[in-house]
N, C-alpha and C. Protein backbone atom coordinates (compact mmCIF):
# COMPACT_ATOMS: atom_id res chain seq x y z
N MET A 1 24.78 -20.80 46.56
CA MET A 1 24.25 -20.75 45.22
C MET A 1 24.99 -21.77 44.37
N ASP A 2 24.32 -22.89 44.04
CA ASP A 2 24.96 -23.96 43.28
C ASP A 2 25.10 -23.58 41.81
N SER A 3 24.01 -23.41 41.15
CA SER A 3 24.06 -23.02 39.74
C SER A 3 23.06 -21.88 39.53
N PHE A 4 23.49 -20.90 38.79
CA PHE A 4 22.68 -19.72 38.58
C PHE A 4 22.04 -19.79 37.20
N ASP A 5 20.76 -19.45 37.13
CA ASP A 5 20.03 -19.46 35.86
C ASP A 5 19.60 -18.03 35.54
N PRO A 6 20.18 -17.39 34.48
CA PRO A 6 19.80 -16.01 34.16
C PRO A 6 18.32 -15.85 33.81
N SER A 7 17.66 -16.93 33.39
CA SER A 7 16.23 -16.81 33.05
C SER A 7 15.36 -16.66 34.29
N SER A 8 15.94 -16.86 35.49
CA SER A 8 15.17 -16.69 36.73
C SER A 8 15.09 -15.22 37.15
N ILE A 9 15.85 -14.36 36.48
CA ILE A 9 15.84 -12.93 36.80
C ILE A 9 14.60 -12.30 36.17
N PRO A 10 13.84 -11.50 36.93
CA PRO A 10 12.68 -10.83 36.35
C PRO A 10 13.10 -9.92 35.19
N THR A 11 12.30 -9.91 34.12
CA THR A 11 12.62 -9.16 32.91
C THR A 11 11.67 -8.00 32.72
N VAL A 12 12.21 -6.85 32.33
CA VAL A 12 11.42 -5.68 31.97
C VAL A 12 11.72 -5.40 30.50
N SER A 13 10.73 -5.61 29.63
CA SER A 13 10.90 -5.36 28.20
C SER A 13 10.58 -3.91 27.89
N ILE A 14 11.36 -3.32 26.99
CA ILE A 14 11.18 -1.92 26.63
C ILE A 14 10.78 -1.83 25.16
N ILE A 15 9.72 -1.06 24.88
CA ILE A 15 9.34 -0.73 23.52
C ILE A 15 9.19 0.78 23.43
N SER A 16 9.05 1.30 22.23
CA SER A 16 9.08 2.74 22.03
C SER A 16 7.94 3.48 22.73
N SER A 17 6.81 2.85 22.93
CA SER A 17 5.68 3.54 23.55
C SER A 17 5.70 3.53 25.08
N HIS A 18 6.65 2.82 25.68
CA HIS A 18 6.71 2.75 27.14
C HIS A 18 7.25 4.04 27.75
N SER A 19 6.73 4.36 28.92
CA SER A 19 7.18 5.52 29.68
C SER A 19 8.44 5.17 30.46
N ILE A 20 9.44 6.04 30.38
CA ILE A 20 10.70 5.81 31.10
C ILE A 20 10.45 5.78 32.60
N SER A 21 9.63 6.70 33.12
CA SER A 21 9.40 6.76 34.57
C SER A 21 8.68 5.51 35.09
N LYS A 22 7.73 4.99 34.33
CA LYS A 22 7.01 3.78 34.77
C LYS A 22 7.92 2.56 34.78
N LYS A 23 8.77 2.44 33.77
CA LYS A 23 9.68 1.29 33.71
C LYS A 23 10.77 1.41 34.78
N THR A 24 11.21 2.63 35.07
CA THR A 24 12.20 2.84 36.13
C THR A 24 11.61 2.44 37.47
N THR A 25 10.37 2.85 37.72
CA THR A 25 9.69 2.50 38.97
C THR A 25 9.54 0.98 39.09
N ARG A 26 9.22 0.32 37.98
CA ARG A 26 9.06 -1.13 38.00
C ARG A 26 10.39 -1.83 38.32
N CYS A 27 11.48 -1.33 37.73
CA CYS A 27 12.80 -1.92 38.00
C CYS A 27 13.18 -1.74 39.47
N LEU A 28 12.93 -0.55 40.02
CA LEU A 28 13.26 -0.29 41.43
C LEU A 28 12.39 -1.12 42.36
N ALA A 29 11.12 -1.33 42.00
CA ALA A 29 10.25 -2.16 42.82
C ALA A 29 10.74 -3.61 42.83
N THR A 30 11.32 -4.05 41.75
CA THR A 30 11.88 -5.41 41.69
C THR A 30 13.15 -5.51 42.53
N LEU A 31 13.98 -4.47 42.48
CA LEU A 31 15.24 -4.48 43.22
C LEU A 31 15.06 -4.21 44.71
N PHE A 32 14.04 -3.45 45.07
CA PHE A 32 13.75 -3.12 46.47
C PHE A 32 12.32 -3.53 46.80
N PRO A 33 12.06 -4.84 46.96
CA PRO A 33 10.69 -5.29 47.23
C PRO A 33 10.21 -4.82 48.60
N ILE A 34 8.91 -4.63 48.72
CA ILE A 34 8.31 -4.20 49.99
C ILE A 34 8.51 -5.29 51.04
N GLN A 35 8.22 -6.52 50.67
CA GLN A 35 8.44 -7.66 51.56
C GLN A 35 9.76 -8.31 51.18
N PRO A 36 10.73 -8.41 52.10
CA PRO A 36 11.98 -9.08 51.75
C PRO A 36 11.72 -10.54 51.39
N PRO A 37 12.47 -11.06 50.41
CA PRO A 37 12.24 -12.45 50.01
C PRO A 37 12.57 -13.41 51.15
N THR A 38 11.78 -14.48 51.27
CA THR A 38 11.98 -15.46 52.34
C THR A 38 13.13 -16.40 52.00
N THR A 39 13.32 -16.66 50.73
CA THR A 39 14.44 -17.53 50.33
C THR A 39 15.61 -16.66 49.88
N PRO A 40 16.81 -17.11 50.11
CA PRO A 40 17.95 -16.31 49.65
C PRO A 40 18.00 -16.29 48.13
N SER A 41 17.73 -15.13 47.58
CA SER A 41 17.75 -15.00 46.13
C SER A 41 18.50 -13.74 45.74
N VAL A 42 18.86 -13.69 44.50
CA VAL A 42 19.57 -12.53 43.98
C VAL A 42 18.55 -11.47 43.61
N LEU A 43 18.71 -10.26 44.15
CA LEU A 43 17.83 -9.17 43.77
C LEU A 43 18.41 -8.52 42.52
N ALA A 44 17.82 -8.86 41.38
CA ALA A 44 18.31 -8.37 40.10
C ALA A 44 17.13 -8.16 39.16
N VAL A 45 17.38 -7.38 38.11
CA VAL A 45 16.38 -7.15 37.07
C VAL A 45 17.11 -7.13 35.73
N ALA A 46 16.44 -7.64 34.71
CA ALA A 46 16.99 -7.64 33.35
C ALA A 46 16.16 -6.68 32.50
N ILE A 47 16.81 -5.69 31.91
CA ILE A 47 16.14 -4.72 31.04
C ILE A 47 16.48 -5.14 29.61
N VAL A 48 15.45 -5.47 28.82
CA VAL A 48 15.64 -6.00 27.47
C VAL A 48 15.04 -5.05 26.45
N ALA A 49 15.81 -4.73 25.38
CA ALA A 49 15.32 -3.83 24.35
C ALA A 49 15.95 -4.17 23.01
N LYS A 50 15.18 -3.97 21.93
CA LYS A 50 15.73 -4.10 20.59
C LYS A 50 16.58 -2.87 20.29
N SER A 51 17.34 -2.95 19.22
CA SER A 51 18.28 -1.87 18.91
C SER A 51 17.61 -0.52 18.69
N THR A 52 16.37 -0.52 18.21
CA THR A 52 15.69 0.75 17.93
C THR A 52 15.37 1.54 19.20
N VAL A 53 15.27 0.87 20.34
CA VAL A 53 14.98 1.56 21.60
C VAL A 53 16.05 1.31 22.65
N ALA A 54 17.25 0.98 22.19
CA ALA A 54 18.35 0.71 23.13
C ALA A 54 18.67 1.94 23.97
N SER A 55 18.57 3.12 23.39
CA SER A 55 18.88 4.34 24.15
C SER A 55 17.91 4.54 25.31
N LYS A 56 16.66 4.14 25.13
CA LYS A 56 15.68 4.24 26.21
C LYS A 56 16.03 3.26 27.33
N ALA A 57 16.46 2.06 26.97
CA ALA A 57 16.86 1.06 27.96
C ALA A 57 18.08 1.53 28.74
N ILE A 58 19.04 2.14 28.04
CA ILE A 58 20.24 2.65 28.70
C ILE A 58 19.89 3.77 29.67
N THR A 59 18.97 4.65 29.27
CA THR A 59 18.52 5.74 30.14
C THR A 59 17.88 5.18 31.41
N ILE A 60 17.03 4.18 31.25
CA ILE A 60 16.37 3.56 32.41
C ILE A 60 17.41 2.93 33.33
N ALA A 61 18.39 2.22 32.75
CA ALA A 61 19.43 1.59 33.57
C ALA A 61 20.24 2.63 34.34
N GLU A 62 20.57 3.74 33.70
CA GLU A 62 21.35 4.79 34.38
C GLU A 62 20.56 5.43 35.52
N ILE A 63 19.28 5.64 35.32
CA ILE A 63 18.44 6.21 36.39
C ILE A 63 18.34 5.23 37.56
N VAL A 64 18.16 3.95 37.26
CA VAL A 64 18.05 2.94 38.31
C VAL A 64 19.35 2.88 39.11
N LYS A 65 20.50 2.91 38.43
CA LYS A 65 21.78 2.87 39.14
C LYS A 65 21.96 4.11 40.02
N ARG A 66 21.56 5.26 39.51
CA ARG A 66 21.68 6.49 40.30
C ARG A 66 20.80 6.42 41.55
N ARG A 67 19.59 5.91 41.41
CA ARG A 67 18.69 5.79 42.57
C ARG A 67 19.22 4.79 43.59
N ILE A 68 19.82 3.71 43.12
CA ILE A 68 20.41 2.73 44.04
C ILE A 68 21.55 3.39 44.81
N SER A 69 22.37 4.16 44.12
CA SER A 69 23.50 4.83 44.77
C SER A 69 23.04 5.87 45.79
N THR A 70 21.95 6.59 45.51
CA THR A 70 21.47 7.59 46.46
C THR A 70 20.95 6.95 47.75
N GLN A 71 20.59 5.67 47.69
CA GLN A 71 20.16 4.96 48.90
C GLN A 71 21.34 4.33 49.63
N GLY A 72 22.55 4.59 49.16
CA GLY A 72 23.74 4.08 49.82
C GLY A 72 24.04 2.62 49.53
N GLU A 73 23.42 2.07 48.54
CA GLU A 73 23.61 0.66 48.18
C GLU A 73 24.60 0.54 47.03
N ALA A 74 25.17 -0.63 46.88
CA ALA A 74 26.04 -0.93 45.75
C ALA A 74 25.20 -1.51 44.62
N TRP A 75 25.63 -1.28 43.38
CA TRP A 75 24.96 -1.86 42.23
C TRP A 75 25.99 -2.56 41.35
N PHE A 76 25.53 -3.55 40.61
CA PHE A 76 26.38 -4.31 39.70
C PHE A 76 25.64 -4.43 38.38
N GLN A 77 26.34 -4.16 37.28
CA GLN A 77 25.71 -4.19 35.96
C GLN A 77 26.45 -5.16 35.05
N TYR A 78 25.66 -5.92 34.28
CA TYR A 78 26.18 -6.86 33.30
C TYR A 78 25.43 -6.58 31.99
N THR A 79 26.16 -6.38 30.90
CA THR A 79 25.54 -6.01 29.63
C THR A 79 25.76 -7.10 28.60
N LYS A 80 24.67 -7.56 28.02
CA LYS A 80 24.71 -8.63 27.03
C LYS A 80 24.15 -8.10 25.72
N LEU A 81 24.85 -8.34 24.62
CA LEU A 81 24.39 -7.95 23.29
C LEU A 81 24.35 -9.20 22.44
N GLU A 82 23.19 -9.50 21.88
CA GLU A 82 23.03 -10.70 21.07
C GLU A 82 22.16 -10.38 19.85
N GLY A 83 22.07 -11.30 18.94
CA GLY A 83 21.22 -11.13 17.77
C GLY A 83 20.04 -12.07 17.83
N THR A 84 18.91 -11.62 17.34
CA THR A 84 17.71 -12.44 17.29
C THR A 84 17.07 -12.30 15.92
N MET A 85 16.52 -13.38 15.38
CA MET A 85 15.91 -13.34 14.06
C MET A 85 14.50 -12.77 14.16
N VAL A 86 14.20 -11.81 13.29
CA VAL A 86 12.85 -11.22 13.23
C VAL A 86 12.40 -11.19 11.78
N GLU A 87 11.08 -11.29 11.58
CA GLU A 87 10.52 -11.18 10.24
C GLU A 87 10.17 -9.73 9.97
N LEU A 88 10.57 -9.25 8.81
CA LEU A 88 10.26 -7.88 8.43
C LEU A 88 8.86 -7.83 7.83
N LYS A 89 8.17 -6.75 8.06
CA LYS A 89 6.84 -6.57 7.49
C LYS A 89 6.97 -6.26 6.01
N ALA A 90 5.98 -6.69 5.24
CA ALA A 90 5.98 -6.42 3.81
C ALA A 90 5.80 -4.92 3.58
N PRO A 91 6.48 -4.37 2.58
CA PRO A 91 6.33 -2.93 2.33
C PRO A 91 4.90 -2.61 1.89
N LYS A 92 4.43 -1.46 2.33
CA LYS A 92 3.08 -1.04 1.96
C LYS A 92 3.08 -0.54 0.53
N LYS A 93 1.98 -0.84 -0.18
CA LYS A 93 1.87 -0.38 -1.56
C LYS A 93 1.46 1.07 -1.58
N SER A 94 1.85 1.74 -2.64
CA SER A 94 1.54 3.15 -2.79
C SER A 94 0.04 3.35 -2.91
N LYS A 95 -0.47 4.36 -2.26
CA LYS A 95 -1.90 4.65 -2.32
C LYS A 95 -2.29 5.32 -3.62
N LYS A 96 -1.31 5.84 -4.36
CA LYS A 96 -1.60 6.52 -5.62
C LYS A 96 -1.96 5.54 -6.72
N GLU A 97 -1.48 4.31 -6.61
CA GLU A 97 -1.74 3.33 -7.65
C GLU A 97 -3.20 2.93 -7.66
N GLY A 98 -3.77 2.83 -8.86
CA GLY A 98 -5.13 2.34 -9.02
C GLY A 98 -6.21 3.33 -8.66
N LYS A 99 -5.91 4.59 -8.50
CA LYS A 99 -6.92 5.58 -8.15
C LYS A 99 -7.10 6.56 -9.29
N GLY A 100 -8.23 7.17 -9.29
CA GLY A 100 -8.49 8.21 -10.27
C GLY A 100 -9.35 7.70 -11.41
N LYS A 101 -9.90 8.63 -12.18
CA LYS A 101 -10.78 8.31 -13.29
C LYS A 101 -9.95 7.79 -14.45
N ASN A 102 -10.45 6.75 -15.08
CA ASN A 102 -9.82 6.15 -16.25
C ASN A 102 -8.40 5.67 -15.99
N LYS A 103 -8.14 5.13 -14.84
CA LYS A 103 -6.81 4.60 -14.52
C LYS A 103 -6.93 3.10 -14.28
N ASP A 104 -5.92 2.36 -14.73
CA ASP A 104 -5.92 0.93 -14.44
C ASP A 104 -5.22 0.69 -13.10
N GLN A 105 -4.93 -0.54 -12.77
CA GLN A 105 -4.34 -0.86 -11.47
C GLN A 105 -2.97 -0.25 -11.29
N ARG A 106 -2.23 -0.09 -12.36
CA ARG A 106 -0.88 0.46 -12.26
C ARG A 106 -0.88 1.98 -12.34
N GLY A 107 -2.03 2.62 -12.52
CA GLY A 107 -2.09 4.06 -12.53
C GLY A 107 -1.90 4.67 -13.91
N SER A 108 -1.79 3.85 -14.98
CA SER A 108 -1.61 4.42 -16.31
C SER A 108 -2.97 4.67 -16.97
N GLN A 109 -2.98 5.55 -17.93
CA GLN A 109 -4.20 5.95 -18.60
C GLN A 109 -4.79 4.80 -19.40
N VAL A 110 -6.09 4.60 -19.33
CA VAL A 110 -6.78 3.54 -20.05
C VAL A 110 -7.65 4.19 -21.12
N GLU A 111 -7.61 3.62 -22.33
CA GLU A 111 -8.47 4.12 -23.39
C GLU A 111 -9.78 3.38 -23.34
N LYS A 112 -10.87 4.11 -23.50
CA LYS A 112 -12.17 3.48 -23.55
C LYS A 112 -12.38 2.96 -24.97
N ALA A 113 -13.05 1.83 -25.08
CA ALA A 113 -13.29 1.22 -26.39
C ALA A 113 -14.12 2.17 -27.24
N GLY A 114 -13.69 2.39 -28.45
CA GLY A 114 -14.44 3.22 -29.38
C GLY A 114 -14.08 4.69 -29.33
N GLU A 115 -13.32 5.14 -28.33
CA GLU A 115 -13.02 6.56 -28.23
C GLU A 115 -11.91 6.97 -29.18
N LYS A 116 -10.85 6.23 -29.23
CA LYS A 116 -9.71 6.64 -30.04
C LYS A 116 -9.43 5.65 -31.15
N GLY A 117 -10.46 5.07 -31.67
CA GLY A 117 -10.27 4.14 -32.76
C GLY A 117 -10.17 2.72 -32.25
N ALA A 118 -9.86 1.85 -33.15
CA ALA A 118 -9.80 0.44 -32.81
C ALA A 118 -8.55 0.16 -31.99
N GLN A 119 -8.64 -0.83 -31.13
CA GLN A 119 -7.48 -1.22 -30.34
C GLN A 119 -6.47 -1.92 -31.22
N ILE A 120 -5.25 -1.95 -30.77
CA ILE A 120 -4.22 -2.66 -31.52
C ILE A 120 -4.59 -4.13 -31.55
N GLY A 121 -4.51 -4.73 -32.66
CA GLY A 121 -4.88 -6.13 -32.81
C GLY A 121 -6.22 -6.26 -33.51
N GLY A 122 -6.95 -5.19 -33.61
CA GLY A 122 -8.17 -5.19 -34.39
C GLY A 122 -9.41 -5.67 -33.67
N GLU A 123 -9.33 -6.26 -32.52
CA GLU A 123 -10.52 -6.74 -31.85
C GLU A 123 -10.92 -5.77 -30.75
N GLU A 124 -12.19 -5.41 -30.74
CA GLU A 124 -12.69 -4.53 -29.70
C GLU A 124 -13.51 -5.33 -28.71
N GLY A 125 -13.48 -4.88 -27.46
CA GLY A 125 -14.36 -5.46 -26.45
C GLY A 125 -13.92 -6.81 -25.93
N THR A 126 -12.72 -7.26 -26.18
CA THR A 126 -12.29 -8.53 -25.59
C THR A 126 -11.88 -8.27 -24.15
N ASP A 127 -12.26 -9.16 -23.29
CA ASP A 127 -11.97 -9.01 -21.87
C ASP A 127 -10.83 -9.93 -21.44
N GLU A 128 -9.77 -9.97 -22.21
CA GLU A 128 -8.62 -10.79 -21.84
C GLU A 128 -7.74 -10.02 -20.87
N GLU A 129 -7.06 -10.77 -20.02
CA GLU A 129 -6.13 -10.15 -19.08
C GLU A 129 -4.83 -9.84 -19.80
N ASP A 130 -4.15 -8.85 -19.33
CA ASP A 130 -2.86 -8.48 -19.89
C ASP A 130 -1.89 -9.62 -19.65
N PRO A 131 -1.30 -10.19 -20.73
CA PRO A 131 -0.41 -11.34 -20.53
C PRO A 131 0.90 -10.96 -19.84
N PHE A 132 1.20 -9.66 -19.79
CA PHE A 132 2.45 -9.23 -19.18
C PHE A 132 2.26 -8.69 -17.77
N GLU A 133 1.08 -8.83 -17.22
CA GLU A 133 0.81 -8.36 -15.87
C GLU A 133 1.54 -9.26 -14.88
N PRO A 134 2.21 -8.67 -13.91
CA PRO A 134 2.95 -9.51 -12.95
C PRO A 134 2.00 -10.36 -12.11
N LEU A 135 2.47 -11.56 -11.80
CA LEU A 135 1.68 -12.46 -10.97
C LEU A 135 1.64 -11.94 -9.54
N LYS A 136 0.51 -12.14 -8.90
CA LYS A 136 0.36 -11.70 -7.52
C LYS A 136 0.57 -12.91 -6.61
N GLU A 137 1.84 -13.21 -6.38
CA GLU A 137 2.19 -14.33 -5.50
C GLU A 137 2.51 -13.81 -4.12
N LYS A 138 2.41 -14.69 -3.19
CA LYS A 138 2.85 -14.33 -1.84
C LYS A 138 4.35 -14.50 -1.81
N THR A 139 5.03 -13.42 -1.47
CA THR A 139 6.48 -13.51 -1.35
C THR A 139 6.81 -13.94 0.08
N PRO A 140 7.83 -14.75 0.22
CA PRO A 140 8.19 -15.17 1.58
C PRO A 140 8.66 -13.98 2.40
N GLN A 141 8.37 -14.02 3.69
CA GLN A 141 8.77 -12.94 4.58
C GLN A 141 10.29 -12.89 4.66
N LYS A 142 10.82 -11.67 4.63
CA LYS A 142 12.25 -11.50 4.79
C LYS A 142 12.59 -11.57 6.26
N LYS A 143 13.70 -12.21 6.56
CA LYS A 143 14.15 -12.32 7.94
C LYS A 143 15.49 -11.61 8.08
N ARG A 144 15.64 -10.92 9.17
CA ARG A 144 16.89 -10.22 9.47
C ARG A 144 17.29 -10.53 10.90
N LYS A 145 18.57 -10.41 11.15
CA LYS A 145 19.07 -10.57 12.51
C LYS A 145 19.07 -9.19 13.17
N MET A 146 18.31 -9.03 14.23
CA MET A 146 18.15 -7.76 14.93
C MET A 146 18.93 -7.80 16.23
N PRO A 147 19.74 -6.76 16.51
CA PRO A 147 20.46 -6.72 17.80
C PRO A 147 19.47 -6.61 18.97
N LEU A 148 19.79 -7.30 20.05
CA LEU A 148 18.97 -7.29 21.25
C LEU A 148 19.89 -7.00 22.44
N LEU A 149 19.58 -5.93 23.17
CA LEU A 149 20.38 -5.51 24.31
C LEU A 149 19.71 -5.95 25.61
N THR A 150 20.48 -6.60 26.47
CA THR A 150 19.98 -6.98 27.79
C THR A 150 20.93 -6.41 28.83
N ILE A 151 20.39 -5.61 29.75
CA ILE A 151 21.18 -5.02 30.82
C ILE A 151 20.70 -5.63 32.14
N TYR A 152 21.57 -6.35 32.79
CA TYR A 152 21.26 -6.92 34.11
C TYR A 152 21.77 -5.95 35.15
N ILE A 153 20.90 -5.57 36.09
CA ILE A 153 21.30 -4.73 37.22
C ILE A 153 20.97 -5.49 38.48
N SER A 154 21.95 -5.56 39.39
CA SER A 154 21.78 -6.33 40.61
C SER A 154 22.31 -5.54 41.81
N ARG A 155 21.82 -5.89 42.99
CA ARG A 155 22.32 -5.29 44.23
C ARG A 155 23.46 -6.08 44.81
N SER A 156 23.74 -7.26 44.25
CA SER A 156 24.88 -8.07 44.70
C SER A 156 25.58 -8.64 43.47
N SER A 157 26.83 -8.96 43.65
CA SER A 157 27.62 -9.48 42.53
C SER A 157 27.11 -10.85 42.11
N ILE A 158 27.09 -11.09 40.80
CA ILE A 158 26.69 -12.39 40.26
C ILE A 158 27.87 -12.92 39.45
N PRO A 159 28.70 -13.78 40.06
CA PRO A 159 29.92 -14.25 39.40
C PRO A 159 29.68 -14.93 38.05
N GLU A 160 28.56 -15.65 37.90
CA GLU A 160 28.27 -16.33 36.63
C GLU A 160 28.09 -15.33 35.50
N LEU A 161 27.39 -14.23 35.77
CA LEU A 161 27.21 -13.19 34.74
C LEU A 161 28.51 -12.43 34.52
N ALA A 162 29.29 -12.23 35.57
CA ALA A 162 30.57 -11.53 35.44
C ALA A 162 31.51 -12.30 34.51
N LYS A 163 31.50 -13.63 34.60
CA LYS A 163 32.33 -14.44 33.72
C LYS A 163 31.89 -14.32 32.26
N LEU A 164 30.58 -14.26 32.04
CA LEU A 164 30.05 -14.22 30.68
C LEU A 164 30.16 -12.84 30.03
N TYR A 165 29.83 -11.77 30.77
CA TYR A 165 29.66 -10.45 30.17
C TYR A 165 30.54 -9.37 30.77
N GLY A 166 31.29 -9.66 31.81
CA GLY A 166 32.05 -8.62 32.49
C GLY A 166 31.15 -7.91 33.49
N GLU A 167 31.76 -7.15 34.38
CA GLU A 167 30.99 -6.52 35.45
C GLU A 167 31.36 -5.05 35.59
N GLN A 168 30.34 -4.23 35.76
CA GLN A 168 30.52 -2.83 36.14
C GLN A 168 29.90 -2.70 37.52
N SER A 169 30.51 -1.89 38.37
CA SER A 169 29.93 -1.74 39.70
C SER A 169 30.12 -0.33 40.20
N GLY A 170 29.32 0.01 41.16
CA GLY A 170 29.41 1.31 41.81
C GLY A 170 28.76 1.22 43.17
N SER A 171 29.14 2.13 44.04
CA SER A 171 28.55 2.11 45.38
C SER A 171 28.58 3.49 45.97
N GLY A 172 27.84 3.65 47.03
CA GLY A 172 27.84 4.90 47.77
C GLY A 172 26.95 5.95 47.13
N PRO A 173 26.72 7.05 47.85
CA PRO A 173 25.87 8.11 47.34
C PRO A 173 26.49 8.80 46.14
N VAL A 174 25.63 9.40 45.32
CA VAL A 174 26.09 10.14 44.15
C VAL A 174 26.92 11.32 44.61
N GLY A 175 28.00 11.58 43.94
CA GLY A 175 28.86 12.69 44.32
C GLY A 175 30.17 12.24 44.90
N GLU A 176 30.23 11.00 45.43
CA GLU A 176 31.49 10.48 45.94
C GLU A 176 32.37 10.08 44.77
N ALA A 177 33.66 10.30 44.90
CA ALA A 177 34.58 9.93 43.84
C ALA A 177 34.69 8.41 43.79
N GLN A 178 34.43 7.83 42.61
CA GLN A 178 34.53 6.39 42.46
C GLN A 178 35.74 6.00 41.64
N GLU A 179 36.45 6.97 41.07
CA GLU A 179 37.62 6.68 40.27
C GLU A 179 38.87 7.04 41.05
N GLN A 180 39.94 6.36 40.75
CA GLN A 180 41.21 6.65 41.37
C GLN A 180 41.80 7.90 40.72
N PRO A 181 42.44 8.81 41.50
CA PRO A 181 43.07 9.98 40.88
C PRO A 181 44.27 9.55 40.05
N ARG A 182 44.55 10.33 39.03
CA ARG A 182 45.64 9.98 38.10
C ARG A 182 46.95 10.44 38.61
């Protein structure tokens, strides 16, 4: 292996609507292909999730590691945390504004001409716009830096990832002691 490219690792993206069992099955299918690869390649998968669903990604990674261990195989994990710029959606306007009988756009009571006397200023029936009404401009989208979690799980050690992110590993069936006694 001359130079390793992390972008060559198959990626499984996680969002809130995804099923944990389906994504776990997909990760295991990537790590244990039906047909062994013809070229020597690293059997690894990258699980990617935004901070809002990081717990789901961690759950999937833990299940995958447990299944690898029950098959008597070793697993290696590399965890990367980075920030990515995202645009925030504009806040939704209140549905109460502008509704109801005799209400203007801001929801305040409107007097009908002739009902309660003359309008202030003495002129009735003028269709001028309110000079103090806020302008309806497009506001630029707000951008925030959102944490992005990437968990690499492999069946063999990847020294390039170990140098960048550190390495966690485990082997053998579940139930065997993996820690040294104190």
